[in-house]
Amino acid sequence: MMRRLAVLALLALPLLAGSAPHPFLRIEQPNGGETLHAGSEAQVRWLSVGVEGPVAILLFKGGEQHAVIAAEAPNIGFYRWQVPAILPAGGQYRLRICSLRDLRVNDFSDSDFAIKK
């Protein structure tokens, strides 16, 4: 919680100086090291600053796009993902989130997470 408050305080500084920060998205969960369970619900969480409109959430495995989790999700900071039971168990999974209005505004999970059957 303290980390989030510190980040929000730093983000507010440019606003006080009269210039808006560059828009960005940052995945917060799963961001690496987690184990999700196939067939159950997982929370995808992100921080969005200066990004308007919907986002896309993509699943990567081993550096290759594996699936589209949400082609057009509301940019509200979280998404309830029903992890498909058919996903292969193992590691090397990462998420990518991107603004549908500007695909240059995106983020990947910092490191791999795993899916367990």
PDB file of N, CA and C in Angstrom:
ATOM      1  N   MET A   1       0.823  -1.187   0.000  1.00  0.00           N
ATOM      2  CA  MET A   1       0.000   0.000   0.000  1.00  0.00           C
ATOM      3  C   MET A   1       0.871   1.257   0.000  1.00  0.00           C
ATOM      4  N   MET A   2       1.941   1.237   0.815  1.00  0.00           N
ATOM      5  CA  MET A   2       2.827   2.401   0.882  1.00  0.00           C
ATOM      6  C   MET A   2       3.493   2.639  -0.470  1.00  0.00           C
ATOM      7  N   ARG A   3       3.871   1.535  -1.150  1.00  0.00           N
ATOM      8  CA  ARG A   3       4.505   1.663  -2.460  1.00  0.00           C
ATOM      9  C   ARG A   3       3.563   2.364  -3.439  1.00  0.00           C
ATOM     10  N   ARG A   4       2.307   1.980  -3.435  1.00  0.00           N
ATOM     11  CA  ARG A   4       1.325   2.571  -4.343  1.00  0.00           C
ATOM     12  C   ARG A   4       1.152   4.058  -4.036  1.00  0.00           C
ATOM     13  N   LEU A   5       1.102   4.416  -2.755  1.00  0.00           N
ATOM     14  CA  LEU A   5       0.956   5.822  -2.386  1.00  0.00           C
ATOM     15  C   LEU A   5       2.169   6.626  -2.832  1.00  0.00           C
ATOM     16  N   ALA A   6       3.361   6.052  -2.679  1.00  0.00           N
ATOM     17  CA  ALA A   6       4.577   6.750  -3.099  1.00  0.00           C
ATOM     18  C   ALA A   6       4.584   6.960  -4.607  1.00  0.00           C
ATOM     19  N   VAL A   7       4.166   5.940  -5.358  1.00  0.00           N
ATOM     20  CA  VAL A   7       4.112   6.061  -6.819  1.00  0.00           C
ATOM     21  C   VAL A   7       3.101   7.128  -7.214  1.00  0.00           C
ATOM     22  N   LEU A   8       1.940   7.121  -6.590  1.00  0.00           N
ATOM     23  CA  LEU A   8       0.916   8.112  -6.914  1.00  0.00           C
ATOM     24  C   LEU A   8       1.382   9.524  -6.578  1.00  0.00           C
ATOM     25  N   ALA A   9       2.110   9.671  -5.480  1.00  0.00           N
ATOM     26  CA  ALA A   9       2.630  10.984  -5.108  1.00  0.00           C
ATOM     27  C   ALA A   9       3.640  11.470  -6.139  1.00  0.00           C
ATOM     28  N   LEU A  10       4.520  10.574  -6.604  1.00  0.00           N
ATOM     29  CA  LEU A  10       5.494  10.951  -7.627  1.00  0.00           C
ATOM     30  C   LEU A  10       4.816  11.313  -8.937  1.00  0.00           C
ATOM     31  N   LEU A  11       3.747  10.615  -9.257  1.00  0.00           N
ATOM     32  CA  LEU A  11       3.033  10.895 -10.495  1.00  0.00           C
ATOM     33  C   LEU A  11       2.321  12.246 -10.429  1.00  0.00           C
ATOM     34  N   ALA A  12       1.959  12.679  -9.250  1.00  0.00           N
ATOM     35  CA  ALA A  12       1.249  13.944  -9.109  1.00  0.00           C
ATOM     36  C   ALA A  12       2.188  15.143  -9.245  1.00  0.00           C
ATOM     37  N   LEU A  13       3.474  14.960  -9.033  1.00  0.00           N
ATOM     38  CA  LEU A  13       4.408  16.081  -9.108  1.00  0.00           C
ATOM     39  C   LEU A  13       4.374  16.809 -10.446  1.00  0.00           C
ATOM     40  N   PRO A  14       4.410  16.093 -11.595  1.00  0.00           N
ATOM     41  CA  PRO A  14       4.341  16.834 -12.856  1.00  0.00           C
ATOM     42  C   PRO A  14       3.035  17.616 -13.005  1.00  0.00           C
ATOM     43  N   LEU A  15       1.958  17.125 -12.434  1.00  0.00           N
ATOM     44  CA  LEU A  15       0.688  17.836 -12.522  1.00  0.00           C
ATOM     45  C   LEU A  15       0.756  19.154 -11.764  1.00  0.00           C
ATOM     46  N   LEU A  16       1.457  19.144 -10.657  1.00  0.00           N
ATOM     47  CA  LEU A  16       1.591  20.371  -9.884  1.00  0.00           C
ATOM     48  C   LEU A  16       2.437  21.395 -10.629  1.00  0.00           C
ATOM     49  N   ALA A  17       3.374  20.928 -11.422  1.00  0.00           N
ATOM     50  CA  ALA A  17       4.243  21.831 -12.175  1.00  0.00           C
ATOM     51  C   ALA A  17       3.578  22.309 -13.460  1.00  0.00           C
ATOM     52  N   GLY A  18       2.399  21.792 -13.779  1.00  0.00           N
ATOM     53  CA  GLY A  18       1.658  22.259 -14.940  1.00  0.00           C
ATOM     54  C   GLY A  18       1.838  21.423 -16.194  1.00  0.00           C
ATOM     55  N   SER A  19       2.614  20.349 -16.128  1.00  0.00           N
ATOM     56  CA  SER A  19       2.764  19.493 -17.307  1.00  0.00           C
ATOM     57  C   SER A  19       2.247  18.095 -16.982  1.00  0.00           C
ATOM     58  N   ALA A  20       1.525  17.539 -17.905  1.00  0.00           N
ATOM     59  CA  ALA A  20       0.952  16.207 -17.705  1.00  0.00           C
ATOM     60  C   ALA A  20       2.016  15.143 -17.947  1.00  0.00           C
ATOM     61  N   PRO A  21       1.995  14.056 -17.165  1.00  0.00           N
ATOM     62  CA  PRO A  21       2.943  12.965 -17.391  1.00  0.00           C
ATOM     63  C   PRO A  21       2.614  12.256 -18.701  1.00  0.00           C
ATOM     64  N   HIS A  22       3.603  11.600 -19.248  1.00  0.00           N
ATOM     65  CA  HIS A  22       3.360  10.791 -20.435  1.00  0.00           C
ATOM     66  C   HIS A  22       2.440   9.645 -20.056  1.00  0.00           C
ATOM     67  N   PRO A  23       1.483   9.303 -20.915  1.00  0.00           N
ATOM     68  CA  PRO A  23       0.586   8.194 -20.592  1.00  0.00           C
ATOM     69  C   PRO A  23       1.359   6.885 -20.489  1.00  0.00           C
ATOM     70  N   PHE A  24       0.956   6.054 -19.538  1.00  0.00           N
ATOM     71  CA  PHE A  24       1.570   4.734 -19.438  1.00  0.00           C
ATOM     72  C   PHE A  24       0.630   3.746 -18.770  1.00  0.00           C
ATOM     73  N   LEU A  25       0.908   2.487 -19.022  1.00  0.00           N
ATOM     74  CA  LEU A  25       0.235   1.355 -18.393  1.00  0.00           C
ATOM     75  C   LEU A  25       1.314   0.524 -17.713  1.00  0.00           C
ATOM     76  N   ARG A  26       0.981  -0.048 -16.561  1.00  0.00           N
ATOM     77  CA  ARG A  26       1.924  -0.942 -15.886  1.00  0.00           C
ATOM     78  C   ARG A  26       1.162  -2.115 -15.278  1.00  0.00           C
ATOM     79  N   ILE A  27       1.541  -3.308 -15.680  1.00  0.00           N
ATOM     80  CA  ILE A  27       0.937  -4.517 -15.108  1.00  0.00           C
ATOM     81  C   ILE A  27       1.419  -4.664 -13.676  1.00  0.00           C
ATOM     82  N   GLU A  28       0.472  -4.917 -12.783  1.00  0.00           N
ATOM     83  CA  GLU A  28       0.812  -5.123 -11.378  1.00  0.00           C
ATOM     84  C   GLU A  28       0.607  -6.585 -10.962  1.00  0.00           C
ATOM     85  N   GLN A  29      -0.320  -7.273 -11.627  1.00  0.00           N
ATOM     86  CA  GLN A  29      -0.599  -8.658 -11.256  1.00  0.00           C
ATOM     87  C   GLN A  29      -1.246  -9.375 -12.426  1.00  0.00           C
ATOM     88  N   PRO A  30      -0.804 -10.523 -12.838  1.00  0.00           N
ATOM     89  CA  PRO A  30       0.436 -11.190 -12.449  1.00  0.00           C
ATOM     90  C   PRO A  30       1.630 -10.527 -13.135  1.00  0.00           C
ATOM     91  N   ASN A  31       2.627 -10.228 -12.346  1.00  0.00           N
ATOM     92  CA  ASN A  31       3.781  -9.501 -12.864  1.00  0.00           C
ATOM     93  C   ASN A  31       5.059 -10.325 -12.795  1.00  0.00           C
ATOM     94  N   GLY A  32       4.939 -11.566 -12.368  1.00  0.00           N
ATOM     95  CA  GLY A  32       6.090 -12.463 -12.312  1.00  0.00           C
ATOM     96  C   GLY A  32       6.172 -13.179 -10.985  1.00  0.00           C
ATOM     97  N   GLY A  33       6.406 -14.490 -11.057  1.00  0.00           N
ATOM     98  CA  GLY A  33       6.566 -15.301  -9.861  1.00  0.00           C
ATOM     99  C   GLY A  33       5.288 -15.949  -9.348  1.00  0.00           C
ATOM    100  N   GLU A  34       4.134 -15.505  -9.830  1.00  0.00           N
ATOM    101  CA  GLU A  34       2.866 -16.076  -9.367  1.00  0.00           C
ATOM    102  C   GLU A  34       2.619 -17.439 -10.012  1.00  0.00           C
ATOM    103  N   THR A  35       1.721 -18.198  -9.396  1.00  0.00           N
ATOM    104  CA  THR A  35       1.213 -19.436  -9.991  1.00  0.00           C
ATOM    105  C   THR A  35      -0.300 -19.310 -10.062  1.00  0.00           C
ATOM    106  N   LEU A  36      -0.825 -19.334 -11.284  1.00  0.00           N
ATOM    107  CA  LEU A  36      -2.267 -19.295 -11.496  1.00  0.00           C
ATOM    108  C   LEU A  36      -2.757 -20.714 -11.723  1.00  0.00           C
ATOM    109  N   HIS A  37      -4.030 -20.936 -11.466  1.00  0.00           N
ATOM    110  CA  HIS A  37      -4.598 -22.279 -11.595  1.00  0.00           C
ATOM    111  C   HIS A  37      -5.557 -22.333 -12.778  1.00  0.00           C
ATOM    112  N   ALA A  38      -5.256 -23.239 -13.712  1.00  0.00           N
ATOM    113  CA  ALA A  38      -6.113 -23.425 -14.886  1.00  0.00           C
ATOM    114  C   ALA A  38      -7.513 -23.800 -14.427  1.00  0.00           C
ATOM    115  N   GLY A  39      -8.525 -23.185 -15.041  1.00  0.00           N
ATOM    116  CA  GLY A  39      -9.907 -23.464 -14.696  1.00  0.00           C
ATOM    117  C   GLY A  39     -10.448 -22.598 -13.573  1.00  0.00           C
ATOM    118  N   SER A  40      -9.627 -21.704 -13.023  1.00  0.00           N
ATOM    119  CA  SER A  40     -10.109 -20.837 -11.944  1.00  0.00           C
ATOM    120  C   SER A  40      -9.995 -19.369 -12.358  1.00  0.00           C
ATOM    121  N   GLU A  41     -10.551 -18.503 -11.547  1.00  0.00           N
ATOM    122  CA  GLU A  41     -10.509 -17.073 -11.846  1.00  0.00           C
ATOM    123  C   GLU A  41      -9.245 -16.448 -11.274  1.00  0.00           C
ATOM    124  N   ALA A  42      -8.650 -15.558 -12.050  1.00  0.00           N
ATOM    125  CA  ALA A  42      -7.478 -14.799 -11.603  1.00  0.00           C
ATOM    126  C   ALA A  42      -7.749 -13.316 -11.834  1.00  0.00           C
ATOM    127  N   GLN A  43      -7.161 -12.491 -11.020  1.00  0.00           N
ATOM    128  CA  GLN A  43      -7.277 -11.045 -11.184  1.00  0.00           C
ATOM    129  C   GLN A  43      -6.083 -10.535 -11.971  1.00  0.00           C
ATOM    130  N   VAL A  44      -6.351  -9.834 -13.053  1.00  0.00           N
ATOM    131  CA  VAL A  44      -5.322  -9.084 -13.763  1.00  0.00           C
ATOM    132  C   VAL A  44      -5.468  -7.655 -13.272  1.00  0.00           C
ATOM    133  N   ARG A  45      -4.368  -7.067 -12.789  1.00  0.00           N
ATOM    134  CA  ARG A  45      -4.409  -5.704 -12.266  1.00  0.00           C
ATOM    135  C   ARG A  45      -3.330  -4.868 -12.945  1.00  0.00           C
ATOM    136  N   TRP A  46      -3.664  -3.592 -13.200  1.00  0.00           N
ATOM    137  CA  TRP A  46      -2.696  -2.690 -13.812  1.00  0.00           C
ATOM    138  C   TRP A  46      -2.918  -1.273 -13.324  1.00  0.00           C
ATOM    139  N   LEU A  47      -1.886  -0.464 -13.500  1.00  0.00           N
ATOM    140  CA  LEU A  47      -1.941   0.962 -13.214  1.00  0.00           C
ATOM    141  C   LEU A  47      -2.006   1.679 -14.548  1.00  0.00           C
ATOM    142  N   SER A  48      -2.902   2.624 -14.669  1.00  0.00           N
ATOM    143  CA  SER A  48      -3.098   3.378 -15.900  1.00  0.00           C
ATOM    144  C   SER A  48      -3.033   4.859 -15.580  1.00  0.00           C
ATOM    145  N   VAL A  49      -2.138   5.571 -16.264  1.00  0.00           N
ATOM    146  CA  VAL A  49      -2.010   7.016 -16.060  1.00  0.00           C
ATOM    147  C   VAL A  49      -2.084   7.695 -17.423  1.00  0.00           C
ATOM    148  N   GLY A  50      -3.057   8.568 -17.582  1.00  0.00           N
ATOM    149  CA  GLY A  50      -3.186   9.337 -18.810  1.00  0.00           C
ATOM    150  C   GLY A  50      -3.635   8.535 -20.016  1.00  0.00           C
ATOM    151  N   VAL A  51      -4.172   7.355 -19.801  1.00  0.00           N
ATOM    152  CA  VAL A  51      -4.622   6.490 -20.898  1.00  0.00           C
ATOM    153  C   VAL A  51      -6.141   6.466 -20.895  1.00  0.00           C
ATOM    154  N   GLU A  52      -6.729   6.868 -22.009  1.00  0.00           N
ATOM    155  CA  GLU A  52      -8.186   6.855 -22.133  1.00  0.00           C
ATOM    156  C   GLU A  52      -8.607   5.718 -23.052  1.00  0.00           C
ATOM    157  N   GLY A  53      -9.788   5.217 -22.820  1.00  0.00           N
ATOM    158  CA  GLY A  53     -10.336   4.182 -23.681  1.00  0.00           C
ATOM    159  C   GLY A  53      -9.923   2.791 -23.256  1.00  0.00           C
ATOM    160  N   PRO A  54     -10.433   1.802 -23.984  1.00  0.00           N
ATOM    161  CA  PRO A  54     -10.225   0.401 -23.614  1.00  0.00           C
ATOM    162  C   PRO A  54      -8.794  -0.070 -23.836  1.00  0.00           C
ATOM    163  N   VAL A  55      -8.502  -1.223 -23.229  1.00  0.00           N
ATOM    164  CA  VAL A  55      -7.196  -1.864 -23.363  1.00  0.00           C
ATOM    165  C   VAL A  55      -7.389  -3.290 -23.874  1.00  0.00           C
ATOM    166  N   ALA A  56      -6.330  -3.820 -24.449  1.00  0.00           N
ATOM    167  CA  ALA A  56      -6.289  -5.239 -24.824  1.00  0.00           C
ATOM    168  C   ALA A  56      -5.336  -5.940 -23.864  1.00  0.00           C
ATOM    169  N   ILE A  57      -5.682  -7.169 -23.498  1.00  0.00           N
ATOM    170  CA  ILE A  57      -4.839  -7.971 -22.608  1.00  0.00           C
ATOM    171  C   ILE A  57      -4.507  -9.262 -23.347  1.00  0.00           C
ATOM    172  N   LEU A  58      -3.206  -9.507 -23.521  1.00  0.00           N
ATOM    173  CA  LEU A  58      -2.735 -10.643 -24.304  1.00  0.00           C
ATOM    174  C   LEU A  58      -1.887 -11.560 -23.434  1.00  0.00           C
ATOM    175  N   LEU A  59      -1.949 -12.860 -23.722  1.00  0.00           N
ATOM    176  CA  LEU A  59      -1.154 -13.856 -23.010  1.00  0.00           C
ATOM    177  C   LEU A  59      -0.024 -14.324 -23.915  1.00  0.00           C
ATOM    178  N   PHE A  60       1.203 -14.296 -23.372  1.00  0.00           N
ATOM    179  CA  PHE A  60       2.376 -14.775 -24.085  1.00  0.00           C
ATOM    180  C   PHE A  60       2.939 -15.993 -23.366  1.00  0.00           C
ATOM    181  N   LYS A  61       3.492 -16.911 -24.123  1.00  0.00           N
ATOM    182  CA  LYS A  61       4.202 -18.066 -23.560  1.00  0.00           C
ATOM    183  C   LYS A  61       5.493 -18.226 -24.336  1.00  0.00           C
ATOM    184  N   GLY A  62       6.603 -18.207 -23.617  1.00  0.00           N
ATOM    185  CA  GLY A  62       7.902 -18.349 -24.258  1.00  0.00           C
ATOM    186  C   GLY A  62       8.200 -17.264 -25.277  1.00  0.00           C
ATOM    187  N   GLY A  63       7.700 -16.068 -25.057  1.00  0.00           N
ATOM    188  CA  GLY A  63       7.976 -14.949 -25.938  1.00  0.00           C
ATOM    189  C   GLY A  63       7.055 -14.838 -27.145  1.00  0.00           C
ATOM    190  N   GLU A  64       6.149 -15.787 -27.325  1.00  0.00           N
ATOM    191  CA  GLU A  64       5.211 -15.776 -28.449  1.00  0.00           C
ATOM    192  C   GLU A  64       3.798 -15.537 -27.939  1.00  0.00           C
ATOM    193  N   GLN A  65       3.014 -14.773 -28.705  1.00  0.00           N
ATOM    194  CA  GLN A  65       1.626 -14.567 -28.308  1.00  0.00           C
ATOM    195  C   GLN A  65       0.892 -15.891 -28.347  1.00  0.00           C
ATOM    196  N   HIS A  66       0.241 -16.232 -27.237  1.00  0.00           N
ATOM    197  CA  HIS A  66      -0.434 -17.514 -27.089  1.00  0.00           C
ATOM    198  C   HIS A  66      -1.956 -17.378 -27.177  1.00  0.00           C
ATOM    199  N   ALA A  67      -2.494 -16.279 -26.627  1.00  0.00           N
ATOM    200  CA  ALA A  67      -3.954 -16.110 -26.604  1.00  0.00           C
ATOM    201  C   ALA A  67      -4.306 -14.648 -26.343  1.00  0.00           C
ATOM    202  N   VAL A  68      -5.522 -14.299 -26.710  1.00  0.00           N
ATOM    203  CA  VAL A  68      -6.089 -12.997 -26.377  1.00  0.00           C
ATOM    204  C   VAL A  68      -6.975 -13.205 -25.157  1.00  0.00           C
ATOM    205  N   ILE A  69      -6.627 -12.551 -24.072  1.00  0.00           N
ATOM    206  CA  ILE A  69      -7.443 -12.653 -22.859  1.00  0.00           C
ATOM    207  C   ILE A  69      -8.655 -11.741 -22.985  1.00  0.00           C
ATOM    208  N   ALA A  70      -8.420 -10.512 -23.424  1.00  0.00           N
ATOM    209  CA  ALA A  70      -9.513  -9.552 -23.630  1.00  0.00           C
ATOM    210  C   ALA A  70      -9.137  -8.662 -24.803  1.00  0.00           C
ATOM    211  N   ALA A  71      -9.951  -8.700 -25.845  1.00  0.00           N
ATOM    212  CA  ALA A  71      -9.684  -7.883 -27.029  1.00  0.00           C
ATOM    213  C   ALA A  71     -10.010  -6.419 -26.779  1.00  0.00           C
ATOM    214  N   GLU A  72     -10.945  -6.151 -25.855  1.00  0.00           N
ATOM    215  CA  GLU A  72     -11.367  -4.780 -25.569  1.00  0.00           C
ATOM    216  C   GLU A  72     -11.956  -4.722 -24.165  1.00  0.00           C
ATOM    217  N   ALA A  73     -11.068  -4.523 -23.172  1.00  0.00           N
ATOM    218  CA  ALA A  73     -11.491  -4.474 -21.772  1.00  0.00           C
ATOM    219  C   ALA A  73     -11.576  -3.019 -21.309  1.00  0.00           C
ATOM    220  N   PRO A  74     -12.512  -2.717 -20.429  1.00  0.00           N
ATOM    221  CA  PRO A  74     -12.562  -1.363 -19.869  1.00  0.00           C
ATOM    222  C   PRO A  74     -11.272  -1.059 -19.105  1.00  0.00           C
ATOM    223  N   ASN A  75     -10.771   0.137 -19.245  1.00  0.00           N
ATOM    224  CA  ASN A  75      -9.527   0.545 -18.592  1.00  0.00           C
ATOM    225  C   ASN A  75      -9.827   1.016 -17.168  1.00  0.00           C
ATOM    226  N   ILE A  76     -10.154   0.047 -16.303  1.00  0.00           N
ATOM    227  CA  ILE A  76     -10.546   0.355 -14.922  1.00  0.00           C
ATOM    228  C   ILE A  76      -9.544  -0.190 -13.900  1.00  0.00           C
ATOM    229  N   GLY A  77      -8.431  -0.741 -14.375  1.00  0.00           N
ATOM    230  CA  GLY A  77      -7.389  -1.186 -13.460  1.00  0.00           C
ATOM    231  C   GLY A  77      -7.444  -2.641 -13.060  1.00  0.00           C
ATOM    232  N   PHE A  78      -8.489  -3.340 -13.439  1.00  0.00           N
ATOM    233  CA  PHE A  78      -8.541  -4.772 -13.144  1.00  0.00           C
ATOM    234  C   PHE A  78      -9.434  -5.478 -14.159  1.00  0.00           C
ATOM    235  N   TYR A  79      -9.195  -6.779 -14.272  1.00  0.00           N
ATOM    236  CA  TYR A  79      -9.995  -7.614 -15.158  1.00  0.00           C
ATOM    237  C   TYR A  79     -10.066  -8.995 -14.526  1.00  0.00           C
ATOM    238  N   ARG A  80     -11.259  -9.535 -14.427  1.00  0.00           N
ATOM    239  CA  ARG A  80     -11.437 -10.894 -13.902  1.00  0.00           C
ATOM    240  C   ARG A  80     -11.280 -11.873 -15.051  1.00  0.00           C
ATOM    241  N   TRP A  81     -10.215 -12.660 -14.986  1.00  0.00           N
ATOM    242  CA  TRP A  81      -9.863 -13.590 -16.058  1.00  0.00           C
ATOM    243  C   TRP A  81     -10.163 -15.017 -15.632  1.00  0.00           C
ATOM    244  N   GLN A  82     -11.013 -15.678 -16.381  1.00  0.00           N
ATOM    245  CA  GLN A  82     -11.252 -17.092 -16.168  1.00  0.00           C
ATOM    246  C   GLN A  82     -10.159 -17.838 -16.924  1.00  0.00           C
ATOM    247  N   VAL A  83      -9.146 -18.322 -16.198  1.00  0.00           N
ATOM    248  CA  VAL A  83      -7.996 -18.980 -16.815  1.00  0.00           C
ATOM    249  C   VAL A  83      -8.485 -20.271 -17.470  1.00  0.00           C
ATOM    250  N   PRO A  84      -8.340 -20.404 -18.793  1.00  0.00           N
ATOM    251  CA  PRO A  84      -8.854 -21.599 -19.475  1.00  0.00           C
ATOM    252  C   PRO A  84      -8.212 -22.889 -18.963  1.00  0.00           C
ATOM    253  N   ALA A  85      -9.038 -23.884 -18.751  1.00  0.00           N
ATOM    254  CA  ALA A  85      -8.543 -25.181 -18.274  1.00  0.00           C
ATOM    255  C   ALA A  85      -7.647 -25.853 -19.302  1.00  0.00           C
ATOM    256  N   ILE A  86      -7.758 -25.444 -20.563  1.00  0.00           N
ATOM    257  CA  ILE A  86      -6.972 -26.104 -21.618  1.00  0.00           C
ATOM    258  C   ILE A  86      -5.561 -25.530 -21.772  1.00  0.00           C
ATOM    259  N   LEU A  87      -5.223 -24.481 -21.029  1.00  0.00           N
ATOM    260  CA  LEU A  87      -3.872 -23.928 -21.138  1.00  0.00           C
ATOM    261  C   LEU A  87      -2.850 -24.950 -20.650  1.00  0.00           C
ATOM    262  N   PRO A  88      -1.736 -25.066 -21.358  1.00  0.00           N
ATOM    263  CA  PRO A  88      -0.694 -25.995 -20.912  1.00  0.00           C
ATOM    264  C   PRO A  88      -0.115 -25.563 -19.560  1.00  0.00           C
ATOM    265  N   ALA A  89       0.074 -26.530 -18.682  1.00  0.00           N
ATOM    266  CA  ALA A  89       0.701 -26.248 -17.395  1.00  0.00           C
ATOM    267  C   ALA A  89       2.169 -25.916 -17.628  1.00  0.00           C
ATOM    268  N   GLY A  90       2.710 -25.096 -16.751  1.00  0.00           N
ATOM    269  CA  GLY A  90       4.125 -24.760 -16.839  1.00  0.00           C
ATOM    270  C   GLY A  90       4.365 -23.286 -16.661  1.00  0.00           C
ATOM    271  N   GLY A  91       5.596 -22.884 -16.931  1.00  0.00           N
ATOM    272  CA  GLY A  91       6.003 -21.502 -16.751  1.00  0.00           C
ATOM    273  C   GLY A  91       6.129 -20.776 -18.077  1.00  0.00           C
ATOM    274  N   GLN A  92       6.914 -19.729 -18.048  1.00  0.00           N
ATOM    275  CA  GLN A  92       7.199 -18.880 -19.199  1.00  0.00           C
ATOM    276  C   GLN A  92       5.975 -18.129 -19.728  1.00  0.00           C
ATOM    277  N   TYR A  93       4.999 -17.871 -18.862  1.00  0.00           N
ATOM    278  CA  TYR A  93       3.847 -17.057 -19.250  1.00  0.00           C
ATOM    279  C   TYR A  93       4.094 -15.615 -18.837  1.00  0.00           C
ATOM    280  N   ARG A  94       3.642 -14.691 -19.675  1.00  0.00           N
ATOM    281  CA  ARG A  94       3.654 -13.259 -19.367  1.00  0.00           C
ATOM    282  C   ARG A  94       2.409 -12.637 -19.976  1.00  0.00           C
ATOM    283  N   LEU A  95       2.011 -11.481 -19.435  1.00  0.00           N
ATOM    284  CA  LEU A  95       0.903 -10.723 -19.994  1.00  0.00           C
ATOM    285  C   LEU A  95       1.440  -9.484 -20.694  1.00  0.00           C
ATOM    286  N   ARG A  96       0.676  -9.018 -21.657  1.00  0.00           N
ATOM    287  CA  ARG A  96       0.911  -7.710 -22.265  1.00  0.00           C
ATOM    288  C   ARG A  96      -0.411  -6.970 -22.218  1.00  0.00           C
ATOM    289  N   ILE A  97      -0.375  -5.726 -21.801  1.00  0.00           N
ATOM    290  CA  ILE A  97      -1.554  -4.872 -21.830  1.00  0.00           C
ATOM    291  C   ILE A  97      -1.219  -3.681 -22.717  1.00  0.00           C
ATOM    292  N   CYS A  98      -2.162  -3.283 -23.565  1.00  0.00           N
ATOM    293  CA  CYS A  98      -1.890  -2.137 -24.432  1.00  0.00           C
ATOM    294  C   CYS A  98      -3.154  -1.322 -24.648  1.00  0.00           C
ATOM    295  N   SER A  99      -2.933  -0.036 -24.816  1.00  0.00           N
ATOM    296  CA  SER A  99      -4.020   0.887 -25.116  1.00  0.00           C
ATOM    297  C   SER A  99      -4.488   0.627 -26.539  1.00  0.00           C
ATOM    298  N   LEU A 100      -5.784   0.555 -26.744  1.00  0.00           N
ATOM    299  CA  LEU A 100      -6.301   0.370 -28.098  1.00  0.00           C
ATOM    300  C   LEU A 100      -6.285   1.673 -28.889  1.00  0.00           C
ATOM    301  N   ARG A 101      -6.124   2.796 -28.215  1.00  0.00           N
ATOM    302  CA  ARG A 101      -6.032   4.083 -28.916  1.00  0.00           C
ATOM    303  C   ARG A 101      -4.605   4.401 -29.356  1.00  0.00           C
ATOM    304  N   ASP A 102      -3.623   3.803 -28.667  1.00  0.00           N
ATOM    305  CA  ASP A 102      -2.223   4.020 -29.011  1.00  0.00           C
ATOM    306  C   ASP A 102      -1.439   2.786 -28.587  1.00  0.00           C
ATOM    307  N   LEU A 103      -1.169   1.890 -29.527  1.00  0.00           N
ATOM    308  CA  LEU A 103      -0.515   0.618 -29.216  1.00  0.00           C
ATOM    309  C   LEU A 103       0.905   0.791 -28.686  1.00  0.00           C
ATOM    310  N   ARG A 104       1.479   1.989 -28.845  1.00  0.00           N
ATOM    311  CA  ARG A 104       2.806   2.235 -28.278  1.00  0.00           C
ATOM    312  C   ARG A 104       2.756   2.306 -26.756  1.00  0.00           C
ATOM    313  N   VAL A 105       1.579   2.554 -26.203  1.00  0.00           N
ATOM    314  CA  VAL A 105       1.410   2.603 -24.753  1.00  0.00           C
ATOM    315  C   VAL A 105       1.040   1.189 -24.306  1.00  0.00           C
ATOM    316  N   ASN A 106       2.041   0.482 -23.773  1.00  0.00           N
ATOM    317  CA  ASN A 106       1.832  -0.914 -23.396  1.00  0.00           C
ATOM    318  C   ASN A 106       2.829  -1.330 -22.330  1.00  0.00           C
ATOM    319  N   ASP A 107       2.610  -2.511 -21.768  1.00  0.00           N
ATOM    320  CA  ASP A 107       3.524  -3.053 -20.773  1.00  0.00           C
ATOM    321  C   ASP A 107       3.435  -4.575 -20.803  1.00  0.00           C
ATOM    322  N   PHE A 108       4.559  -5.208 -20.490  1.00  0.00           N
ATOM    323  CA  PHE A 108       4.640  -6.657 -20.317  1.00  0.00           C
ATOM    324  C   PHE A 108       4.867  -6.959 -18.842  1.00  0.00           C
ATOM    325  N   SER A 109       4.462  -8.150 -18.416  1.00  0.00           N
ATOM    326  CA  SER A 109       4.825  -8.616 -17.082  1.00  0.00           C
ATOM    327  C   SER A 109       6.344  -8.526 -16.948  1.00  0.00           C
ATOM    328  N   ASP A 110       6.829  -8.168 -15.760  1.00  0.00           N
ATOM    329  CA  ASP A 110       8.268  -8.028 -15.557  1.00  0.00           C
ATOM    330  C   ASP A 110       9.020  -9.348 -15.695  1.00  0.00           C
ATOM    331  N   SER A 111       8.400 -10.435 -15.258  1.00  0.00           N
ATOM    332  CA  SER A 111       9.020 -11.759 -15.402  1.00  0.00           C
ATOM    333  C   SER A 111       7.924 -12.804 -15.533  1.00  0.00           C
ATOM    334  N   ASP A 112       8.342 -14.038 -15.715  1.00  0.00           N
ATOM    335  CA  ASP A 112       7.405 -15.130 -15.987  1.00  0.00           C
ATOM    336  C   ASP A 112       6.553 -15.486 -14.770  1.00  0.00           C
ATOM    337  N   PHE A 113       5.348 -15.967 -15.062  1.00  0.00           N
ATOM    338  CA  PHE A 113       4.514 -16.612 -14.062  1.00  0.00           C
ATOM    339  C   PHE A 113       4.152 -17.991 -14.588  1.00  0.00           C
ATOM    340  N   ALA A 114       3.552 -18.817 -13.743  1.00  0.00           N
ATOM    341  CA  ALA A 114       3.252 -20.200 -14.096  1.00  0.00           C
ATOM    342  C   ALA A 114       1.747 -20.445 -14.060  1.00  0.00           C
ATOM    343  N   ILE A 115       1.352 -21.468 -14.788  1.00  0.00           N
ATOM    344  CA  ILE A 115      -0.026 -21.953 -14.737  1.00  0.00           C
ATOM    345  C   ILE A 115       0.035 -23.423 -14.343  1.00  0.00           C
ATOM    346  N   LYS A 116      -0.774 -23.768 -13.359  1.00  0.00           N
ATOM    347  CA  LYS A 116      -0.802 -25.119 -12.802  1.00  0.00           C
ATOM    348  C   LYS A 116      -2.162 -25.734 -13.053  1.00  0.00           C
ATOM    349  N   LYS A 117      -2.205 -27.005 -13.362  1.00  0.00           N
ATOM    350  CA  LYS A 117      -3.474 -27.724 -13.565  1.00  0.00           C
ATOM    351  C   LYS A 117      -4.086 -28.092 -12.230  1.00  0.00           C
TER     352      LYS A 117
END
